[in-house]
Amino acid sequence: MKNITKIISGVVVASTLSFGSTLAVVNGKKITDQDVNDALMSATQGRLMQIPASKREQLKKQFLDEMISKELIYEDAKKKGITNSKEYKDQLNKILSSIKRDLAIRLWQKKEFEAIKISDKDIKNYYNKNKAEFMQKEQVKARHILVKSEKEAKNIINQLKNLHGKQLKEKFIQLAKEKSTGPSGPRGGDLGYFGRGQMVPEFENAAFNMKVGTITKTPVKTQFGYHIIYLEDKKSATTRPLKDVKAYIAQRLKMEKFRDIMQNKLQKLKSKAKITYK
């Protein structure tokens, strides 16, 4: 039943990977880049490209070593007659039978799923009934300079307090790069956009009560030290427009219909089948 109700995942863009080149030859048997990437794709359930590049390379080396080991063990198993044994052949036939069944089920599911059509009217109705789901909360975009002492924070504020507009922002970025001890320092203190609940309360309260283009008049103390905040932008709470969420709604409705169709089809198949419980 789990296989029937499983969500069909998205397609991975294989062209982003490097295929074809031979990485190793084990007693005449080639192991290619594609072989390793295929194994990685399977192990990560198609999310290989979401893994950082440095980690991907590490995993590729690990999988290559494992594939070499498996090839060597497989060759030794053949030499010792394992592949000609009755036990091997019986288990192989069971595995092949299971693979054939599972493959047929997956392709059947895929065909049923692709046949489902969602109308624009259905999408619009869902959007109008569930607008709260697409509410984007208030957000601010801020920069900060983090220092250890209140005295140092006050000195920085004194250097900035008489500046305005472009001059204030440029000077703030410069001082953040020079003096901030936080990880955002090299980026000029840029924290990007964030909503309520994403920062520690003291920092959040200060940032959300500021005017765009201003800095905090006094240092903001948190568990990390003393902050000078520059508010770069503010976005009011808003509902995302239909055009931005149309694809998401269509996919969601399609999955809901898919589950209903699968349940109905299973009921019909069961009603026609001869099933005996023992």
C-alpha atoms as a PDB file:
ATOM      1  CA  MET A   1       0.000   0.000   0.000  1.00  0.00           C
ATOM      2  CA  LYS A   2       2.915   2.310   0.751  1.00  0.00           C
ATOM      3  CA  ASN A   3       4.187   1.866  -2.791  1.00  0.00           C
ATOM      4  CA  ILE A   4       0.769   2.826  -4.197  1.00  0.00           C
ATOM      5  CA  THR A   5       0.492   6.029  -2.172  1.00  0.00           C
ATOM      6  CA  LYS A   6       4.108   7.096  -2.562  1.00  0.00           C
ATOM      7  CA  ILE A   7       4.546  10.610  -4.019  1.00  0.00           C
ATOM      8  CA  ILE A   8       6.153  10.659  -7.425  1.00  0.00           C
ATOM      9  CA  SER A   9       9.297  12.738  -7.121  1.00  0.00           C
ATOM     10  CA  GLY A  10      10.565  15.408  -9.531  1.00  0.00           C
ATOM     11  CA  VAL A  11      12.938  14.771 -12.391  1.00  0.00           C
ATOM     12  CA  VAL A  12      16.641  15.305 -11.730  1.00  0.00           C
ATOM     13  CA  VAL A  13      18.486  17.248 -14.391  1.00  0.00           C
ATOM     14  CA  ALA A  14      21.193  14.761 -15.275  1.00  0.00           C
ATOM     15  CA  SER A  15      22.909  17.113 -17.679  1.00  0.00           C
ATOM     16  CA  THR A  16      24.426  18.970 -14.739  1.00  0.00           C
ATOM     17  CA  LEU A  17      26.624  15.965 -13.999  1.00  0.00           C
ATOM     18  CA  SER A  18      29.777  14.882 -15.768  1.00  0.00           C
ATOM     19  CA  PHE A  19      29.213  11.502 -17.452  1.00  0.00           C
ATOM     20  CA  GLY A  20      31.200   9.107 -19.579  1.00  0.00           C
ATOM     21  CA  SER A  21      34.826   9.304 -18.470  1.00  0.00           C
ATOM     22  CA  THR A  22      36.504   6.162 -17.098  1.00  0.00           C
ATOM     23  CA  LEU A  23      37.535   6.515 -13.460  1.00  0.00           C
ATOM     24  CA  ALA A  24      39.030   3.052 -12.917  1.00  0.00           C
ATOM     25  CA  VAL A  25      39.600  -0.277 -14.677  1.00  0.00           C
ATOM     26  CA  VAL A  26      39.406  -3.410 -12.518  1.00  0.00           C
ATOM     27  CA  ASN A  27      40.886  -6.415 -14.324  1.00  0.00           C
ATOM     28  CA  GLY A  28      39.533  -5.099 -17.619  1.00  0.00           C
ATOM     29  CA  LYS A  29      36.156  -3.975 -16.197  1.00  0.00           C
ATOM     30  CA  LYS A  30      35.609  -0.215 -16.593  1.00  0.00           C
ATOM     31  CA  ILE A  31      34.004   1.913 -13.882  1.00  0.00           C
ATOM     32  CA  THR A  32      32.875   5.220 -15.366  1.00  0.00           C
ATOM     33  CA  ASP A  33      31.894   8.554 -13.953  1.00  0.00           C
ATOM     34  CA  GLN A  34      28.325   7.737 -14.957  1.00  0.00           C
ATOM     35  CA  ASP A  35      28.411   4.477 -12.975  1.00  0.00           C
ATOM     36  CA  VAL A  36      29.473   6.338  -9.833  1.00  0.00           C
ATOM     37  CA  ASN A  37      26.959   9.152 -10.343  1.00  0.00           C
ATOM     38  CA  ASP A  38      24.144   6.662 -10.917  1.00  0.00           C
ATOM     39  CA  ALA A  39      25.011   4.976  -7.622  1.00  0.00           C
ATOM     40  CA  LEU A  40      25.140   8.338  -5.866  1.00  0.00           C
ATOM     41  CA  MET A  41      21.804   9.405  -7.354  1.00  0.00           C
ATOM     42  CA  SER A  42      20.221   6.220  -6.033  1.00  0.00           C
ATOM     43  CA  ALA A  43      21.814   6.574  -2.584  1.00  0.00           C
ATOM     44  CA  THR A  44      20.712  10.226  -2.231  1.00  0.00           C
ATOM     45  CA  GLN A  45      17.230   9.592  -3.719  1.00  0.00           C
ATOM     46  CA  GLY A  46      17.913  12.000  -6.576  1.00  0.00           C
ATOM     47  CA  ARG A  47      19.158  14.837  -4.375  1.00  0.00           C
ATOM     48  CA  LEU A  48      22.838  14.592  -5.306  1.00  0.00           C
ATOM     49  CA  MET A  49      23.032  18.137  -6.681  1.00  0.00           C
ATOM     50  CA  GLN A  50      21.746  19.537  -3.390  1.00  0.00           C
ATOM     51  CA  ILE A  51      24.904  18.326  -1.659  1.00  0.00           C
ATOM     52  CA  PRO A  52      27.811  20.863  -1.564  1.00  0.00           C
ATOM     53  CA  ALA A  53      30.365  20.349  -4.340  1.00  0.00           C
ATOM     54  CA  SER A  54      33.218  19.518  -1.942  1.00  0.00           C
ATOM     55  CA  LYS A  55      31.092  16.855  -0.234  1.00  0.00           C
ATOM     56  CA  ARG A  56      30.017  15.436  -3.613  1.00  0.00           C
ATOM     57  CA  GLU A  57      33.647  14.894  -4.611  1.00  0.00           C
ATOM     58  CA  GLN A  58      34.336  13.181  -1.295  1.00  0.00           C
ATOM     59  CA  LEU A  59      31.330  10.904  -1.767  1.00  0.00           C
ATOM     60  CA  LYS A  60      32.364  10.088  -5.357  1.00  0.00           C
ATOM     61  CA  LYS A  61      35.783   8.899  -4.159  1.00  0.00           C
ATOM     62  CA  GLN A  62      34.150   6.842  -1.422  1.00  0.00           C
ATOM     63  CA  PHE A  63      31.669   5.244  -3.827  1.00  0.00           C
ATOM     64  CA  LEU A  64      34.413   4.554  -6.385  1.00  0.00           C
ATOM     65  CA  ASP A  65      36.435   2.690  -3.751  1.00  0.00           C
ATOM     66  CA  GLU A  66      33.344   0.685  -2.787  1.00  0.00           C
ATOM     67  CA  MET A  67      32.598  -0.178  -6.424  1.00  0.00           C
ATOM     68  CA  ILE A  68      36.168  -1.350  -6.961  1.00  0.00           C
ATOM     69  CA  SER A  69      35.917  -3.541  -3.843  1.00  0.00           C
ATOM     70  CA  LYS A  70      32.600  -5.001  -4.986  1.00  0.00           C
ATOM     71  CA  GLU A  71      34.005  -5.797  -8.429  1.00  0.00           C
ATOM     72  CA  LEU A  72      36.984  -7.624  -6.887  1.00  0.00           C
ATOM     73  CA  ILE A  73      34.750  -9.613  -4.519  1.00  0.00           C
ATOM     74  CA  TYR A  74      32.325 -10.441  -7.357  1.00  0.00           C
ATOM     75  CA  GLU A  75      35.170 -11.808  -9.492  1.00  0.00           C
ATOM     76  CA  ASP A  76      36.390 -13.935  -6.605  1.00  0.00           C
ATOM     77  CA  ALA A  77      32.855 -15.198  -5.999  1.00  0.00           C
ATOM     78  CA  LYS A  78      32.576 -16.295  -9.649  1.00  0.00           C
ATOM     79  CA  LYS A  79      35.928 -18.102  -9.458  1.00  0.00           C
ATOM     80  CA  LYS A  80      34.687 -20.023  -6.425  1.00  0.00           C
ATOM     81  CA  GLY A  81      31.518 -21.115  -8.236  1.00  0.00           C
ATOM     82  CA  ILE A  82      29.060 -19.002  -6.244  1.00  0.00           C
ATOM     83  CA  THR A  83      27.215 -17.795  -9.365  1.00  0.00           C
ATOM     84  CA  ASN A  84      26.666 -21.415 -10.508  1.00  0.00           C
ATOM     85  CA  SER A  85      25.226 -22.591  -7.212  1.00  0.00           C
ATOM     86  CA  LYS A  86      21.535 -23.462  -6.757  1.00  0.00           C
ATOM     87  CA  GLU A  87      21.245 -21.034  -3.835  1.00  0.00           C
ATOM     88  CA  TYR A  88      22.511 -18.156  -5.989  1.00  0.00           C
ATOM     89  CA  LYS A  89      20.193 -18.945  -8.888  1.00  0.00           C
ATOM     90  CA  ASP A  90      17.134 -19.348  -6.628  1.00  0.00           C
ATOM     91  CA  GLN A  91      17.748 -16.015  -4.899  1.00  0.00           C
ATOM     92  CA  LEU A  92      18.503 -14.294  -8.212  1.00  0.00           C
ATOM     93  CA  ASN A  93      15.188 -15.452  -9.666  1.00  0.00           C
ATOM     94  CA  LYS A  94      13.348 -14.109  -6.597  1.00  0.00           C
ATOM     95  CA  ILE A  95      15.094 -10.747  -6.879  1.00  0.00           C
ATOM     96  CA  LEU A  96      14.409 -10.483 -10.619  1.00  0.00           C
ATOM     97  CA  SER A  97      10.757 -11.307 -10.062  1.00  0.00           C
ATOM     98  CA  SER A  98      10.509  -8.606  -7.383  1.00  0.00           C
ATOM     99  CA  ILE A  99      12.250  -6.028  -9.607  1.00  0.00           C
ATOM    100  CA  LYS A 100       9.903  -6.776 -12.516  1.00  0.00           C
ATOM    101  CA  ARG A 101       6.851  -6.335 -10.296  1.00  0.00           C
ATOM    102  CA  ASP A 102       8.097  -3.113  -8.669  1.00  0.00           C
ATOM    103  CA  LEU A 103       9.104  -1.619 -12.012  1.00  0.00           C
ATOM    104  CA  ALA A 104       5.686  -2.384 -13.499  1.00  0.00           C
ATOM    105  CA  ILE A 105       3.996  -0.778 -10.458  1.00  0.00           C
ATOM    106  CA  ARG A 106       6.115   2.370 -10.713  1.00  0.00           C
ATOM    107  CA  LEU A 107       5.430   2.756 -14.425  1.00  0.00           C
ATOM    108  CA  TRP A 108       1.711   2.132 -13.831  1.00  0.00           C
ATOM    109  CA  GLN A 109       1.692   4.829 -11.127  1.00  0.00           C
ATOM    110  CA  LYS A 110       3.570   7.210 -13.410  1.00  0.00           C
ATOM    111  CA  LYS A 111       1.090   6.703 -16.233  1.00  0.00           C
ATOM    112  CA  GLU A 112      -1.900   7.250 -13.927  1.00  0.00           C
ATOM    113  CA  PHE A 113      -0.320  10.358 -12.400  1.00  0.00           C
ATOM    114  CA  GLU A 114       0.536  11.959 -15.739  1.00  0.00           C
ATOM    115  CA  ALA A 115      -3.032  11.424 -16.972  1.00  0.00           C
ATOM    116  CA  ILE A 116      -4.449  13.656 -14.219  1.00  0.00           C
ATOM    117  CA  LYS A 117      -5.397  17.161 -15.343  1.00  0.00           C
ATOM    118  CA  ILE A 118      -5.953  20.124 -13.035  1.00  0.00           C
ATOM    119  CA  SER A 119      -8.015  23.023 -14.383  1.00  0.00           C
ATOM    120  CA  ASP A 120      -7.312  26.707 -13.809  1.00  0.00           C
ATOM    121  CA  LYS A 121     -10.706  26.896 -12.119  1.00  0.00           C
ATOM    122  CA  ASP A 122      -9.677  24.242  -9.576  1.00  0.00           C
ATOM    123  CA  ILE A 123      -6.447  26.109  -8.882  1.00  0.00           C
ATOM    124  CA  LYS A 124      -8.212  29.443  -8.413  1.00  0.00           C
ATOM    125  CA  ASN A 125     -10.841  27.906  -6.107  1.00  0.00           C
ATOM    126  CA  TYR A 126      -8.145  26.366  -3.913  1.00  0.00           C
ATOM    127  CA  TYR A 127      -6.262  29.666  -3.773  1.00  0.00           C
ATOM    128  CA  ASN A 128      -9.353  31.659  -2.766  1.00  0.00           C
ATOM    129  CA  LYS A 129     -10.295  29.155  -0.046  1.00  0.00           C
ATOM    130  CA  ASN A 130      -6.790  28.875   1.403  1.00  0.00           C
ATOM    131  CA  LYS A 131      -5.297  32.358   1.173  1.00  0.00           C
ATOM    132  CA  ALA A 132      -3.942  32.124   4.715  1.00  0.00           C
ATOM    133  CA  GLU A 133      -1.625  29.389   3.458  1.00  0.00           C
ATOM    134  CA  PHE A 134       0.031  31.869   1.118  1.00  0.00           C
ATOM    135  CA  MET A 135       0.411  34.709   3.595  1.00  0.00           C
ATOM    136  CA  GLN A 136       3.959  36.038   3.667  1.00  0.00           C
ATOM    137  CA  LYS A 137       4.723  37.539   7.062  1.00  0.00           C
ATOM    138  CA  GLU A 138       6.377  40.880   7.656  1.00  0.00           C
ATOM    139  CA  GLN A 139      10.109  40.826   6.902  1.00  0.00           C
ATOM    140  CA  VAL A 140      13.038  43.168   7.345  1.00  0.00           C
ATOM    141  CA  LYS A 141      16.434  43.297   5.711  1.00  0.00           C
ATOM    142  CA  ALA A 142      19.211  44.348   8.045  1.00  0.00           C
ATOM    143  CA  ARG A 143      22.947  44.630   8.475  1.00  0.00           C
ATOM    144  CA  HIS A 144      24.744  44.543  11.786  1.00  0.00           C
ATOM    145  CA  ILE A 145      28.117  45.107  13.361  1.00  0.00           C
ATOM    146  CA  LEU A 146      28.851  42.782  16.272  1.00  0.00           C
ATOM    147  CA  VAL A 147      31.504  43.718  18.847  1.00  0.00           C
ATOM    148  CA  LYS A 148      32.426  42.476  22.309  1.00  0.00           C
ATOM    149  CA  SER A 149      32.108  45.637  24.412  1.00  0.00           C
ATOM    150  CA  GLU A 150      29.458  48.319  24.821  1.00  0.00           C
ATOM    151  CA  LYS A 151      32.169  50.975  24.669  1.00  0.00           C
ATOM    152  CA  GLU A 152      33.338  49.827  21.247  1.00  0.00           C
ATOM    153  CA  ALA A 153      29.732  49.713  20.019  1.00  0.00           C
ATOM    154  CA  LYS A 154      29.127  53.286  21.189  1.00  0.00           C
ATOM    155  CA  ASN A 155      32.295  54.467  19.434  1.00  0.00           C
ATOM    156  CA  ILE A 156      31.046  52.972  16.164  1.00  0.00           C
ATOM    157  CA  ILE A 157      27.630  54.606  16.601  1.00  0.00           C
ATOM    158  CA  ASN A 158      29.377  57.966  17.115  1.00  0.00           C
ATOM    159  CA  GLN A 159      31.164  57.508  13.779  1.00  0.00           C
ATOM    160  CA  LEU A 160      27.844  56.854  12.038  1.00  0.00           C
ATOM    161  CA  LYS A 161      25.256  59.031  13.788  1.00  0.00           C
ATOM    162  CA  ASN A 162      25.764  62.169  11.675  1.00  0.00           C
ATOM    163  CA  LEU A 163      25.652  60.318   8.347  1.00  0.00           C
ATOM    164  CA  HIS A 164      22.555  59.738   6.210  1.00  0.00           C
ATOM    165  CA  GLY A 165      21.452  57.964   3.046  1.00  0.00           C
ATOM    166  CA  LYS A 166      24.140  56.486   0.822  1.00  0.00           C
ATOM    167  CA  GLN A 167      26.986  57.783   2.978  1.00  0.00           C
ATOM    168  CA  LEU A 168      25.584  56.054   6.061  1.00  0.00           C
ATOM    169  CA  LYS A 169      25.149  52.730   4.291  1.00  0.00           C
ATOM    170  CA  GLU A 170      28.608  52.790   2.696  1.00  0.00           C
ATOM    171  CA  LYS A 171      30.301  53.720   5.976  1.00  0.00           C
ATOM    172  CA  PHE A 172      28.333  51.052   7.855  1.00  0.00           C
ATOM    173  CA  ILE A 173      29.435  48.383   5.360  1.00  0.00           C
ATOM    174  CA  GLN A 174      33.036  49.529   5.661  1.00  0.00           C
ATOM    175  CA  LEU A 175      33.010  49.390   9.477  1.00  0.00           C
ATOM    176  CA  ALA A 176      31.249  46.007   9.456  1.00  0.00           C
ATOM    177  CA  LYS A 177      34.040  44.566   7.317  1.00  0.00           C
ATOM    178  CA  GLU A 178      36.701  46.122   9.539  1.00  0.00           C
ATOM    179  CA  LYS A 179      35.277  45.613  13.023  1.00  0.00           C
ATOM    180  CA  SER A 180      32.424  43.084  13.154  1.00  0.00           C
ATOM    181  CA  THR A 181      33.250  39.785  14.851  1.00  0.00           C
ATOM    182  CA  GLY A 182      30.162  38.083  13.391  1.00  0.00           C
ATOM    183  CA  PRO A 183      30.263  35.729  10.384  1.00  0.00           C
ATOM    184  CA  SER A 184      28.438  38.331   8.273  1.00  0.00           C
ATOM    185  CA  GLY A 185      31.257  40.851   8.739  1.00  0.00           C
ATOM    186  CA  PRO A 186      33.017  40.103   5.416  1.00  0.00           C
ATOM    187  CA  ARG A 187      29.658  40.725   3.681  1.00  0.00           C
ATOM    188  CA  GLY A 188      29.343  44.143   5.235  1.00  0.00           C
ATOM    189  CA  GLY A 189      27.163  42.756   8.009  1.00  0.00           C
ATOM    190  CA  ASP A 190      24.442  41.664   5.562  1.00  0.00           C
ATOM    191  CA  LEU A 191      21.867  39.367   7.207  1.00  0.00           C
ATOM    192  CA  GLY A 192      19.438  39.367   4.285  1.00  0.00           C
ATOM    193  CA  TYR A 193      15.680  39.267   4.853  1.00  0.00           C
ATOM    194  CA  PHE A 194      14.272  37.615   7.966  1.00  0.00           C
ATOM    195  CA  GLY A 195      10.911  37.364   9.696  1.00  0.00           C
ATOM    196  CA  ARG A 196       9.897  37.305  13.324  1.00  0.00           C
ATOM    197  CA  GLY A 197      11.179  34.343  15.281  1.00  0.00           C
ATOM    198  CA  GLN A 198      14.392  33.975  13.288  1.00  0.00           C
ATOM    199  CA  MET A 199      16.627  36.161  15.462  1.00  0.00           C
ATOM    200  CA  VAL A 200      17.134  36.402  19.213  1.00  0.00           C
ATOM    201  CA  PRO A 201      14.354  38.527  20.806  1.00  0.00           C
ATOM    202  CA  GLU A 202      16.506  41.570  21.662  1.00  0.00           C
ATOM    203  CA  PHE A 203      17.838  41.833  18.117  1.00  0.00           C
ATOM    204  CA  GLU A 204      14.463  41.137  16.524  1.00  0.00           C
ATOM    205  CA  ASN A 205      12.588  43.707  18.597  1.00  0.00           C
ATOM    206  CA  ALA A 206      15.113  46.412  17.752  1.00  0.00           C
ATOM    207  CA  ALA A 207      15.175  45.625  14.015  1.00  0.00           C
ATOM    208  CA  PHE A 208      11.391  45.491  13.543  1.00  0.00           C
ATOM    209  CA  ASN A 209      10.909  48.816  15.344  1.00  0.00           C
ATOM    210  CA  MET A 210      13.424  50.745  13.229  1.00  0.00           C
ATOM    211  CA  LYS A 211      12.870  52.984  10.219  1.00  0.00           C
ATOM    212  CA  VAL A 212      14.438  52.030   6.886  1.00  0.00           C
ATOM    213  CA  GLY A 213      17.789  53.742   6.318  1.00  0.00           C
ATOM    214  CA  THR A 214      18.583  54.255  10.016  1.00  0.00           C
ATOM    215  CA  ILE A 215      20.845  52.692  12.626  1.00  0.00           C
ATOM    216  CA  THR A 216      20.181  51.828  16.249  1.00  0.00           C
ATOM    217  CA  LYS A 217      20.883  54.846  18.467  1.00  0.00           C
ATOM    218  CA  THR A 218      22.158  52.645  21.292  1.00  0.00           C
ATOM    219  CA  PRO A 219      23.946  49.269  21.234  1.00  0.00           C
ATOM    220  CA  VAL A 220      21.687  46.222  21.277  1.00  0.00           C
ATOM    221  CA  LYS A 221      22.938  43.653  23.780  1.00  0.00           C
ATOM    222  CA  THR A 222      22.402  39.930  23.161  1.00  0.00           C
ATOM    223  CA  GLN A 223      24.078  36.711  24.264  1.00  0.00           C
ATOM    224  CA  PHE A 224      26.545  37.182  21.392  1.00  0.00           C
ATOM    225  CA  GLY A 225      27.741  40.671  22.319  1.00  0.00           C
ATOM    226  CA  TYR A 226      26.770  44.212  21.318  1.00  0.00           C
ATOM    227  CA  HIS A 227      25.123  44.965  17.963  1.00  0.00           C
ATOM    228  CA  ILE A 228      24.775  48.096  15.871  1.00  0.00           C
ATOM    229  CA  ILE A 229      21.941  47.501  13.401  1.00  0.00           C
ATOM    230  CA  TYR A 230      21.305  49.187  10.062  1.00  0.00           C
ATOM    231  CA  LEU A 231      17.834  48.622   8.608  1.00  0.00           C
ATOM    232  CA  GLU A 232      18.087  48.353   4.838  1.00  0.00           C
ATOM    233  CA  ASP A 233      14.518  47.417   3.874  1.00  0.00           C
ATOM    234  CA  LYS A 234      11.137  46.392   5.265  1.00  0.00           C
ATOM    235  CA  LYS A 235       8.398  44.282   3.667  1.00  0.00           C
ATOM    236  CA  SER A 236       4.862  44.402   5.039  1.00  0.00           C
ATOM    237  CA  ALA A 237       2.864  41.213   5.507  1.00  0.00           C
ATOM    238  CA  THR A 238       1.247  40.272   2.204  1.00  0.00           C
ATOM    239  CA  THR A 239      -0.481  37.427   0.389  1.00  0.00           C
ATOM    240  CA  ARG A 240       1.542  35.878  -2.418  1.00  0.00           C
ATOM    241  CA  PRO A 241      -0.224  36.358  -5.778  1.00  0.00           C
ATOM    242  CA  LEU A 242      -1.848  33.421  -7.523  1.00  0.00           C
ATOM    243  CA  LYS A 243       0.667  33.480 -10.383  1.00  0.00           C
ATOM    244  CA  ASP A 244       3.512  32.824  -7.915  1.00  0.00           C
ATOM    245  CA  VAL A 245       1.876  29.776  -6.301  1.00  0.00           C
ATOM    246  CA  LYS A 246      -0.070  28.364  -9.247  1.00  0.00           C
ATOM    247  CA  ALA A 247       2.424  25.567  -9.971  1.00  0.00           C
ATOM    248  CA  TYR A 248       2.555  24.571  -6.292  1.00  0.00           C
ATOM    249  CA  ILE A 249      -1.256  24.413  -6.050  1.00  0.00           C
ATOM    250  CA  ALA A 250      -1.521  22.409  -9.274  1.00  0.00           C
ATOM    251  CA  GLN A 251       0.982  19.840  -7.993  1.00  0.00           C
ATOM    252  CA  ARG A 252      -0.754  19.618  -4.623  1.00  0.00           C
ATOM    253  CA  LEU A 253      -4.192  19.114  -6.177  1.00  0.00           C
ATOM    254  CA  LYS A 254      -2.737  16.576  -8.568  1.00  0.00           C
ATOM    255  CA  MET A 255      -1.300  14.564  -5.677  1.00  0.00           C
ATOM    256  CA  GLU A 256      -4.625  14.666  -3.820  1.00  0.00           C
ATOM    257  CA  LYS A 257      -6.466  13.407  -6.914  1.00  0.00           C
ATOM    258  CA  PHE A 258      -3.785  10.781  -7.441  1.00  0.00           C
ATOM    259  CA  ARG A 259      -4.304   9.366  -3.938  1.00  0.00           C
ATOM    260  CA  ASP A 260      -8.080   9.286  -4.429  1.00  0.00           C
ATOM    261  CA  ILE A 261      -7.743   7.598  -7.821  1.00  0.00           C
ATOM    262  CA  MET A 262      -5.354   4.985  -6.394  1.00  0.00           C
ATOM    263  CA  GLN A 263      -7.760   4.151  -3.559  1.00  0.00           C
ATOM    264  CA  ASN A 264     -10.701   3.846  -5.948  1.00  0.00           C
ATOM    265  CA  LYS A 265      -8.763   1.704  -8.409  1.00  0.00           C
ATOM    266  CA  LEU A 266      -7.554  -0.560  -5.613  1.00  0.00           C
ATOM    267  CA  GLN A 267     -11.099  -1.028  -4.349  1.00  0.00           C
ATOM    268  CA  LYS A 268     -12.263  -2.003  -7.844  1.00  0.00           C
ATOM    269  CA  LEU A 269      -9.316  -4.372  -8.348  1.00  0.00           C
ATOM    270  CA  LYS A 270      -9.953  -5.994  -4.971  1.00  0.00           C
ATOM    271  CA  SER A 271     -13.655  -6.399  -5.700  1.00  0.00           C
ATOM    272  CA  LYS A 272     -12.851  -8.297  -8.906  1.00  0.00           C
ATOM    273  CA  ALA A 273     -10.007 -10.352  -7.455  1.00  0.00           C
ATOM    274  CA  LYS A 274     -10.175 -13.649  -5.643  1.00  0.00           C
ATOM    275  CA  ILE A 275      -8.371 -13.026  -2.365  1.00  0.00           C
ATOM    276  CA  THR A 276      -8.176 -15.699   0.337  1.00  0.00           C
ATOM    277  CA  TYR A 277      -6.810 -14.914   3.807  1.00  0.00           C
ATOM    278  CA  LYS A 278      -5.266 -17.775   5.769  1.00  0.00           C
END
